[in-house]
């Protein structure tokens, strides 16, 4: 886990031991599950139990013993797709949390799918956490991401903000696009058009420069960007990487970049000869998993989906160590600069919707996990493609389960899930530190 902190004031977080063996797990269970991080409440320590990797439905996962015998722990989840939150719900249930079906209950943590209702934020009790910030669409809507990036270009110069391909808002900036289409500089350019508020590769199309392109897009809404060509290829295939970025505070700005992630591969050999062949050009797992060429593998460095660490090793083997290290330094840089680009907007939104922020107290109730999608070009230069509001938590493979389960345990420890104050006085820790129930 890598922490990038701007402005100081970040809470130090201890990572619980990873339980690789049965002996490790038994030893971990002897430790108390109640931690005393800063703040007014005791906070729960989440462990890397083997039970977190339960592959069945969360509904079949028994609720474990809470860390204190009189503590009532619960969560509310608004996701309409059970599979996309299954691993999270399993982890919470292993650690003693039951599910509530009412948003106005006294839950400890609300895992919200989509944008959070401002009324929920205004009504938060001191011990409640929500996994969303207000106005997060400043980052996650493609048009907003580009507009904020372009504002930073104008303010600080293109030499410092040069990690997104040239983009035009559709239909707002079609006149500027039309000017580019008439320029000799863009005569051989391929363009990628992405509809607004779409995901999983839906509605994406590629086009060669032609005079009528701008007119053809006038009825659409989204963005039109220069297509990154040629891309960095492994075994002749295009890829991108999914980074997990956690923001716990906007004032001061505190950003965590998780050490692991995923590399997703297209399933047909790259070529610009056939722009309509989506599995050559799009790396979305949700698209490529239906391809007859998709390769399932138990290894982290084979098949159509790799771990980020495996991708890093392969990159280092193709480049020299110094050049490879520079790639990841640039990735860190684009993550921080992207967060900085919306810092003022997000901090102001928190002051508007969160009582504690309006009163000048530090935020302890909102956090957000973002999915940054980054692609390397043929020179191994990283480009930011988009930022996802709700990075997928589906665990359709052992690799997904390993990466996402470990990431979520670390996330829950970083944000510090409080125990309600009613459980503090006169309470005693549960036996054996709250050993989870058997599945």
Protein backbone atom coordinates (compact mmCIF):
# COMPACT_ATOMS: atom_id res chain seq x y z
CA UNK A 1 0.00 0.00 0.00
CA UNK A 2 1.45 3.33 -1.00
CA UNK A 3 0.34 6.55 0.66
CA UNK A 4 0.57 9.89 -1.08
CA UNK A 5 -0.24 12.66 1.39
CA UNK A 6 -0.58 16.34 0.57
CA UNK A 7 -0.95 18.85 3.38
CA UNK A 8 -0.21 16.50 6.26
CA UNK A 9 -2.65 15.49 8.96
CA UNK A 10 -3.16 11.93 7.77
CA UNK A 11 -4.00 9.30 10.35
CA UNK A 12 -1.31 6.66 10.66
CA UNK A 13 -2.74 3.23 9.99
CA UNK A 14 -1.33 -0.10 11.06
CA UNK A 15 -1.82 -2.94 8.62
CA UNK A 16 -2.93 -6.15 10.34
CA UNK A 17 -0.86 -9.23 9.62
CA UNK A 18 -1.80 -11.26 6.56
CA UNK A 19 -2.86 -14.77 7.54
CA UNK A 20 -1.12 -17.00 5.02
CA UNK A 21 -1.31 -20.16 7.12
CA UNK A 22 -3.68 -21.66 9.67
CA UNK A 23 -1.12 -20.91 12.39
CA UNK A 24 -0.99 -17.27 11.31
CA UNK A 25 -4.76 -17.03 11.44
CA UNK A 26 -5.02 -18.58 14.90
CA UNK A 27 -2.34 -16.17 16.14
CA UNK A 28 -4.16 -13.20 14.61
CA UNK A 29 -7.42 -14.17 16.30
CA UNK A 30 -5.72 -13.87 19.70
CA UNK A 31 -5.21 -10.16 19.09
CA UNK A 32 -7.91 -7.68 20.06
CA UNK A 33 -10.09 -6.54 17.19
CA UNK A 34 -10.66 -3.12 18.75
CA UNK A 35 -8.11 -0.46 17.93
CA UNK A 36 -7.68 3.00 19.42
CA UNK A 37 -6.81 5.19 16.47
CA UNK A 38 -7.30 8.93 16.78
CA UNK A 39 -10.83 10.25 17.09
CA UNK A 40 -13.64 9.98 19.61
CA UNK A 41 -14.52 6.31 18.99
CA UNK A 42 -12.90 2.93 19.23
CA UNK A 43 -12.38 1.49 15.78
CA UNK A 44 -12.50 -2.03 14.44
CA UNK A 45 -9.42 -3.78 13.11
CA UNK A 46 -10.13 -5.90 10.05
CA UNK A 47 -8.01 -9.01 9.59
CA UNK A 48 -6.85 -10.86 6.50
CA UNK A 49 -8.78 -13.99 7.50
CA UNK A 50 -9.02 -16.88 5.08
CA UNK A 51 -12.81 -16.58 5.56
CA UNK A 52 -12.67 -13.29 3.65
CA UNK A 53 -12.05 -15.34 0.51
CA UNK A 54 -15.35 -17.19 0.80
CA UNK A 55 -16.51 -17.71 -2.80
CA UNK A 56 -20.18 -18.26 -2.07
CA UNK A 57 -22.93 -15.68 -1.70
CA UNK A 58 -22.78 -13.25 1.20
CA UNK A 59 -26.28 -14.47 2.11
CA UNK A 60 -24.79 -17.88 2.96
CA UNK A 61 -21.99 -16.36 5.01
CA UNK A 62 -22.86 -16.47 8.73
CA UNK A 63 -22.36 -13.25 10.68
CA UNK A 64 -19.30 -13.61 12.91
CA UNK A 65 -18.97 -12.53 16.51
CA UNK A 66 -18.52 -8.76 16.88
CA UNK A 67 -15.36 -7.47 18.61
CA UNK A 68 -17.40 -6.52 21.70
CA UNK A 69 -20.20 -8.70 22.95
CA UNK A 70 -22.67 -5.83 23.32
CA UNK A 71 -21.73 -4.05 20.10
CA UNK A 72 -24.40 -3.94 17.43
CA UNK A 73 -22.68 -3.60 14.08
CA UNK A 74 -24.46 -3.23 10.75
CA UNK A 75 -24.03 -1.98 7.22
CA UNK A 76 -26.33 -0.69 4.51
CA UNK A 77 -25.62 -1.46 0.86
CA UNK A 78 -27.54 0.21 -1.95
CA UNK A 79 -26.05 -1.79 -4.84
CA UNK A 80 -28.69 -3.34 -7.08
CA UNK A 81 -26.17 -5.88 -8.34
CA UNK A 82 -25.39 -8.37 -5.57
CA UNK A 83 -22.28 -9.72 -7.30
CA UNK A 84 -20.65 -6.31 -7.38
CA UNK A 85 -20.64 -6.01 -3.58
CA UNK A 86 -20.46 -9.67 -2.58
CA UNK A 87 -16.82 -9.69 -1.44
CA UNK A 88 -17.34 -6.55 0.64
CA UNK A 89 -20.41 -7.98 2.34
CA UNK A 90 -18.59 -11.24 3.08
CA UNK A 91 -15.75 -9.34 4.78
CA UNK A 92 -18.15 -7.26 6.85
CA UNK A 93 -20.15 -10.31 7.93
CA UNK A 94 -16.99 -12.21 8.87
CA UNK A 95 -16.16 -9.32 11.20
CA UNK A 96 -19.56 -9.23 12.91
CA UNK A 97 -21.63 -6.86 10.76
CA UNK A 98 -25.20 -7.70 9.85
CA UNK A 99 -27.01 -6.15 6.91
CA UNK A 100 -29.78 -3.63 7.37
CA UNK A 101 -32.32 -2.83 4.67
CA UNK A 102 -33.16 0.73 5.76
CA UNK A 103 -31.01 3.73 4.92
CA UNK A 104 -32.27 5.56 8.02
CA UNK A 105 -31.17 2.80 10.44
CA UNK A 106 -28.22 3.19 12.81
CA UNK A 107 -25.76 1.42 10.50
CA UNK A 108 -22.02 1.86 10.95
CA UNK A 109 -21.09 1.95 7.29
CA UNK A 110 -23.10 2.74 4.16
CA UNK A 111 -21.63 1.36 0.93
CA UNK A 112 -23.41 3.49 -1.63
CA UNK A 113 -23.66 2.62 -5.32
CA UNK A 114 -23.81 5.73 -7.48
CA UNK A 115 -23.96 9.25 -6.11
CA UNK A 116 -24.83 9.68 -2.44
CA UNK A 117 -28.01 11.55 -1.48
CA UNK A 118 -27.01 14.86 0.19
CA UNK A 119 -29.75 14.31 2.77
CA UNK A 120 -27.93 11.18 3.95
CA UNK A 121 -24.78 13.23 4.47
CA UNK A 122 -26.61 15.94 6.39
CA UNK A 123 -28.14 13.33 8.70
CA UNK A 124 -24.98 11.35 9.48
CA UNK A 125 -24.42 10.41 13.10
CA UNK A 126 -20.90 10.81 14.46
CA UNK A 127 -20.12 7.08 14.28
CA UNK A 128 -21.38 6.53 10.70
CA UNK A 129 -19.27 6.27 7.55
CA UNK A 130 -20.26 6.64 3.88
CA UNK A 131 -18.10 5.52 0.96
CA UNK A 132 -18.86 8.57 -1.20
CA UNK A 133 -18.04 12.25 -1.32
CA UNK A 134 -20.55 14.77 -2.63
CA UNK A 135 -19.81 16.07 -6.15
CA UNK A 136 -17.52 13.11 -6.95
CA UNK A 137 -18.77 13.42 -10.52
CA UNK A 138 -16.24 16.26 -10.84
CA UNK A 139 -13.76 13.43 -11.36
CA UNK A 140 -15.81 10.57 -12.70
CA UNK A 141 -17.88 12.13 -15.49
CA UNK A 142 -15.67 12.12 -18.57
CA UNK A 143 -16.62 15.67 -19.52
CA UNK A 144 -15.93 17.01 -16.02
CA UNK A 145 -12.62 15.15 -15.77
CA UNK A 146 -11.46 16.75 -19.03
CA UNK A 147 -12.77 20.21 -18.14
CA UNK A 148 -10.90 20.20 -14.82
CA UNK A 149 -7.76 18.84 -16.49
CA UNK A 150 -7.94 21.56 -19.15
CA UNK A 151 -8.36 24.23 -16.46
CA UNK A 152 -5.16 23.01 -14.80
CA UNK A 153 -3.38 23.07 -18.18
CA UNK A 154 -4.29 26.72 -18.60
CA UNK A 155 -3.22 27.57 -15.06
CA UNK A 156 0.05 25.62 -14.75
CA UNK A 157 1.02 24.83 -18.33
CA UNK A 158 0.80 21.83 -20.61
CA UNK A 159 4.26 20.69 -19.59
CA UNK A 160 2.88 19.81 -16.13
CA UNK A 161 -0.52 18.51 -17.23
CA UNK A 162 0.21 16.35 -20.25
CA UNK A 163 -1.14 12.92 -19.30
CA UNK A 164 -4.55 12.96 -21.01
CA UNK A 165 -5.03 12.74 -24.80
CA UNK A 166 -6.52 15.80 -26.52
CA UNK A 167 -10.27 15.69 -26.01
CA UNK A 168 -13.34 17.63 -27.16
CA UNK A 169 -16.66 17.79 -25.37
CA UNK A 170 -19.56 16.66 -27.53
CA UNK A 171 -21.52 18.64 -28.61
CA UNK A 172 -20.12 21.68 -26.76
CA UNK A 173 -16.71 21.81 -28.47
CA UNK A 174 -17.56 20.45 -31.91
CA UNK A 175 -16.51 23.68 -33.60
CA UNK A 176 -12.98 23.29 -32.16
CA UNK A 177 -13.00 19.63 -33.22
CA UNK A 178 -13.99 20.62 -36.74
CA UNK A 179 -11.01 23.00 -36.89
CA UNK A 180 -8.67 20.17 -35.88
CA UNK A 181 -10.17 17.85 -38.47
CA UNK A 182 -9.20 20.35 -41.17
CA UNK A 183 -5.62 20.58 -39.92
CA UNK A 184 -2.83 18.61 -41.58
CA UNK A 185 -1.54 17.70 -38.11
CA UNK A 186 -4.61 15.50 -37.52
CA UNK A 187 -5.05 14.12 -41.04
CA UNK A 188 -4.02 10.58 -40.03
CA UNK A 189 -5.50 10.66 -36.51
CA UNK A 190 -7.85 8.02 -35.19
CA UNK A 191 -10.51 9.30 -32.77
CA UNK A 192 -12.33 7.48 -30.01
CA UNK A 193 -15.85 8.61 -29.09
CA UNK A 194 -17.22 7.76 -25.63
CA UNK A 195 -20.80 8.52 -24.64
CA UNK A 196 -21.54 10.42 -21.43
CA UNK A 197 -22.25 8.44 -18.26
CA UNK A 198 -21.63 5.08 -19.96
CA UNK A 199 -19.44 2.27 -18.66
CA UNK A 200 -18.10 -1.20 -19.52
CA UNK A 201 -17.26 -0.07 -23.06
CA UNK A 202 -20.88 0.57 -23.99
CA UNK A 203 -21.39 2.88 -26.97
CA UNK A 204 -17.69 3.46 -27.69
CA UNK A 205 -16.72 3.86 -31.35
CA UNK A 206 -13.53 4.60 -33.29
CA UNK A 207 -13.29 6.87 -36.35
CA UNK A 208 -10.67 8.06 -38.79
CA UNK A 209 -10.34 11.76 -39.51
CA UNK A 210 -12.93 12.88 -42.03
CA UNK A 211 -14.48 16.30 -42.67
CA UNK A 212 -17.98 15.13 -41.72
CA UNK A 213 -17.06 13.62 -38.32
CA UNK A 214 -17.99 16.71 -36.29
CA UNK A 215 -21.38 16.96 -37.98
CA UNK A 216 -21.98 13.25 -37.46
CA UNK A 217 -21.52 13.73 -33.68
CA UNK A 218 -23.91 16.67 -33.24
CA UNK A 219 -26.72 14.46 -31.99
CA UNK A 220 -24.49 12.74 -29.42
CA UNK A 221 -23.35 13.66 -25.92
CA UNK A 222 -19.99 12.62 -24.56
CA UNK A 223 -16.32 13.12 -25.46
CA UNK A 224 -14.21 12.66 -28.58
CA UNK A 225 -10.51 12.04 -27.91
CA UNK A 226 -7.37 11.36 -29.88
CA UNK A 227 -6.91 7.59 -29.89
CA UNK A 228 -3.61 6.52 -28.34
CA UNK A 229 -1.83 4.81 -31.22
CA UNK A 230 0.39 2.88 -31.16
CA UNK A 231 -0.10 1.46 -27.66
CA UNK A 232 2.31 -0.60 -25.58
CA UNK A 233 1.79 -4.23 -26.59
CA UNK A 234 2.43 -7.50 -24.81
CA UNK A 235 2.25 -10.55 -27.03
CA UNK A 236 0.72 -8.32 -29.69
CA UNK A 237 -2.20 -7.32 -27.43
CA UNK A 238 -3.28 -3.95 -26.12
CA UNK A 239 -3.81 -3.56 -22.36
CA UNK A 240 -4.69 -1.08 -19.67
CA UNK A 241 -4.30 -1.12 -15.89
CA UNK A 242 -6.86 -0.56 -13.14
CA UNK A 243 -5.51 1.33 -10.14
CA UNK A 244 -7.35 1.55 -6.83
CA UNK A 245 -7.15 5.04 -5.36
CA UNK A 246 -8.59 5.87 -1.95
CA UNK A 247 -9.25 9.45 -0.86
CA UNK A 248 -9.92 9.88 2.87
CA UNK A 249 -9.80 13.67 3.05
CA UNK A 250 -9.92 16.66 0.73
CA UNK A 251 -8.82 19.23 3.30
CA UNK A 252 -6.04 18.36 3.80
CA UNK A 253 -5.84 16.25 0.65
CA UNK A 254 -4.96 12.64 1.53
CA UNK A 255 -4.65 10.09 -1.28
CA UNK A 256 -3.71 6.42 -1.03
CA UNK A 257 -2.64 4.42 -4.07
CA UNK A 258 -3.03 0.69 -3.48
CA UNK A 259 0.07 -1.35 -4.26
CA UNK A 260 -1.81 -3.99 -6.27
CA UNK A 261 -4.22 -3.72 -9.17
CA UNK A 262 -5.21 -5.42 -12.41
CA UNK A 263 -3.98 -5.41 -15.99
CA UNK A 264 -6.74 -6.12 -18.55
CA UNK A 265 -5.98 -7.28 -22.08
CA UNK A 266 -7.77 -7.06 -25.38
CA UNK A 267 -8.34 -10.48 -26.88
CA UNK A 268 -7.47 -9.90 -30.55
CA UNK A 269 -4.11 -8.81 -31.99
CA UNK A 270 -3.82 -5.02 -32.19
CA UNK A 271 -4.19 -3.35 -35.55
CA UNK A 272 -5.86 -0.19 -36.80
CA UNK A 273 -6.89 -1.92 -40.02
CA UNK A 274 -10.32 -2.75 -38.60
CA UNK A 275 -11.55 -0.07 -36.20
CA UNK A 276 -14.92 -1.74 -35.80
CA UNK A 277 -13.40 -4.85 -34.16
CA UNK A 278 -13.92 -3.89 -30.54
CA UNK A 279 -11.89 -6.72 -28.99
CA UNK A 280 -8.78 -5.38 -30.75
CA UNK A 281 -9.15 -1.91 -29.29
CA UNK A 282 -11.12 -2.03 -26.05
CA UNK A 283 -9.66 -3.67 -22.96
CA UNK A 284 -12.84 -3.76 -20.86
CA UNK A 285 -13.11 -7.10 -19.10
CA UNK A 286 -16.90 -7.00 -19.34
CA UNK A 287 -16.54 -6.96 -23.13
CA UNK A 288 -13.59 -9.29 -23.68
CA UNK A 289 -14.76 -12.04 -21.33
CA UNK A 290 -17.36 -12.94 -23.98
CA UNK A 291 -14.71 -13.32 -26.69
CA UNK A 292 -13.80 -16.83 -27.82
CA UNK A 293 -10.17 -15.72 -27.50
CA UNK A 294 -10.46 -14.80 -23.82
CA UNK A 295 -7.98 -16.89 -21.81
CA UNK A 296 -8.76 -17.89 -18.23
CA UNK A 297 -5.65 -18.62 -16.21
CA UNK A 298 -4.81 -19.50 -12.61
CA UNK A 299 -1.49 -17.66 -12.99
CA UNK A 300 -1.12 -13.94 -12.31
CA UNK A 301 1.05 -13.36 -15.38
CA UNK A 302 -0.87 -15.29 -18.00
CA UNK A 303 -4.22 -15.15 -19.73
CA UNK A 304 -6.41 -12.12 -20.37
CA UNK A 305 -6.17 -10.58 -16.91
CA UNK A 306 -2.97 -10.15 -14.86
CA UNK A 307 -2.12 -8.73 -11.48
CA UNK A 308 -0.53 -5.30 -11.56
CA UNK A 309 2.61 -6.67 -9.87
CA UNK A 310 2.97 -9.26 -12.65
CA UNK A 311 2.53 -6.53 -15.26
CA UNK A 312 5.22 -4.46 -13.51
CA UNK A 313 7.65 -7.37 -13.56
CA UNK A 314 7.04 -7.93 -17.27
CA UNK A 315 7.45 -4.22 -18.00
CA UNK A 316 10.74 -4.15 -16.09
CA UNK A 317 11.97 -7.12 -18.12
CA UNK A 318 11.23 -5.31 -21.39
CA UNK A 319 12.58 -1.95 -20.26
CA UNK A 320 15.59 -1.30 -18.05
CA UNK A 321 14.95 -0.89 -14.31
CA UNK A 322 15.45 2.88 -14.33
CA UNK A 323 13.03 3.41 -17.19
CA UNK A 324 10.43 1.13 -15.61
CA UNK A 325 10.69 3.00 -12.30
CA UNK A 326 10.14 6.27 -14.17
CA UNK A 327 6.89 4.90 -15.64
CA UNK A 328 5.46 4.26 -12.18
CA UNK A 329 6.72 7.61 -10.89
CA UNK A 330 4.71 9.24 -13.68
CA UNK A 331 1.68 7.13 -12.73
CA UNK A 332 1.94 8.38 -9.13
CA UNK A 333 2.25 11.91 -10.49
CA UNK A 334 -0.91 11.72 -12.61
CA UNK A 335 -2.91 10.27 -9.70
CA UNK A 336 -1.92 13.14 -7.41
CA UNK A 337 -2.41 15.84 -10.04
CA UNK A 338 -5.84 14.48 -10.95
CA UNK A 339 -6.90 14.71 -7.30
CA UNK A 340 -5.41 18.21 -7.04
CA UNK A 341 -7.43 19.29 -10.10
CA UNK A 342 -10.70 18.91 -8.16
CA UNK A 343 -9.40 19.66 -4.67
CA UNK A 344 -11.15 23.02 -4.34
CA UNK A 345 -14.46 21.76 -5.75
CA UNK A 346 -14.55 18.72 -3.49
CA UNK A 347 -13.53 20.60 -0.35
CA UNK A 348 -16.27 23.17 -0.95
CA UNK A 349 -18.87 20.44 -1.52
CA UNK A 350 -17.95 18.82 1.80
CA UNK A 351 -18.36 22.14 3.62
CA UNK A 352 -21.78 22.48 2.01
CA UNK A 353 -23.15 19.01 2.76
CA UNK A 354 -21.27 17.71 5.81
CA UNK A 355 -21.98 19.32 9.18
CA UNK A 356 -18.58 18.54 10.67
CA UNK A 357 -16.73 20.12 7.73
CA UNK A 358 -18.97 23.19 7.87
CA UNK A 359 -18.01 23.56 11.53
CA UNK A 360 -14.31 23.33 10.73
CA UNK A 361 -13.76 19.82 12.09
CA UNK A 362 -11.77 17.26 10.05
CA UNK A 363 -13.72 14.81 7.94
CA UNK A 364 -13.97 11.36 9.55
CA UNK A 365 -17.19 10.20 7.89
CA UNK A 366 -16.70 10.19 4.12
CA UNK A 367 -14.17 8.36 2.00
CA UNK A 368 -14.15 7.13 -1.57
CA UNK A 369 -12.52 4.42 -3.61
CA UNK A 370 -11.89 5.49 -7.21
CA UNK A 371 -10.86 3.28 -10.11
CA UNK A 372 -8.20 4.98 -12.25
CA UNK A 373 -7.78 3.46 -15.72
CA UNK A 374 -4.31 4.08 -17.18
CA UNK A 375 -2.79 2.95 -20.48
CA UNK A 376 0.79 2.94 -21.71
CA UNK A 377 1.67 3.98 -25.25
CA UNK A 378 4.40 2.38 -27.35
CA UNK A 379 7.01 4.50 -25.55
CA UNK A 380 5.67 3.30 -22.17
CA UNK A 381 4.29 6.76 -21.42
CA UNK A 382 1.24 6.53 -19.10
CA UNK A 383 -2.04 8.15 -20.12
CA UNK A 384 -5.10 8.59 -17.92
CA UNK A 385 -8.20 7.27 -19.69
CA UNK A 386 -10.89 7.80 -17.06
CA UNK A 387 -11.76 7.71 -13.37
CA UNK A 388 -14.51 5.36 -12.21
CA UNK A 389 -17.05 6.31 -9.55
CA UNK A 390 -17.71 2.68 -8.55
CA UNK A 391 -14.77 0.44 -9.52
CA UNK A 392 -16.08 -3.07 -10.05
CA UNK A 393 -15.80 -5.40 -7.06
CA UNK A 394 -16.96 -8.52 -8.86
CA UNK A 395 -14.77 -11.51 -8.14
CA UNK A 396 -15.22 -13.79 -11.13
CA UNK A 397 -11.73 -15.26 -10.87
CA UNK A 398 -9.32 -16.26 -8.07
CA UNK A 399 -7.15 -13.27 -9.04
CA UNK A 400 -10.09 -10.87 -8.65
CA UNK A 401 -10.88 -12.32 -5.24
CA UNK A 402 -7.29 -12.12 -4.04
CA UNK A 403 -6.70 -8.54 -5.16
CA UNK A 404 -10.07 -7.06 -4.22
CA UNK A 405 -10.48 -8.82 -0.88
CA UNK A 406 -7.05 -7.71 0.35
CA UNK A 407 -7.61 -4.20 -0.97
CA UNK A 408 -10.95 -3.87 0.86
CA UNK A 409 -9.52 -5.09 4.16
CA UNK A 410 -6.76 -2.48 3.93
CA UNK A 411 -9.32 0.17 2.94
CA UNK A 412 -11.56 -0.56 5.94
CA UNK A 413 -8.60 -0.30 8.27
CA UNK A 414 -7.47 2.98 6.75
CA UNK A 415 -10.86 4.67 7.05
CA UNK A 416 -11.37 3.31 10.59
CA UNK A 417 -14.90 1.94 11.11
CA UNK A 418 -16.11 3.17 14.54
CA UNK A 419 -17.94 1.19 17.20
CA UNK A 420 -21.10 3.02 18.34
CA UNK A 421 -20.63 4.83 21.66
CA UNK A 422 -23.25 2.64 23.39
CA UNK A 423 -20.77 -0.23 23.18
CA UNK A 424 -17.89 1.66 24.80
CA UNK A 425 -18.71 1.98 28.47
CA UNK A 426 -18.67 -1.17 30.51
CA UNK A 427 -18.17 -3.31 27.42
CA UNK A 428 -15.64 -6.07 27.21
CA UNK A 429 -13.93 -7.57 24.16
CA UNK A 430 -15.54 -10.65 22.71
CA UNK A 431 -13.86 -13.98 23.46
CA UNK A 432 -10.76 -14.74 21.34
CA UNK A 433 -10.89 -11.27 19.80
CA UNK A 434 -14.11 -11.88 17.91
CA UNK A 435 -13.42 -15.11 16.04
CA UNK A 436 -15.56 -15.29 12.92
CA UNK A 437 -18.29 -17.88 12.74
CA UNK A 438 -17.87 -20.86 10.45
CA UNK A 439 -19.37 -20.50 6.98
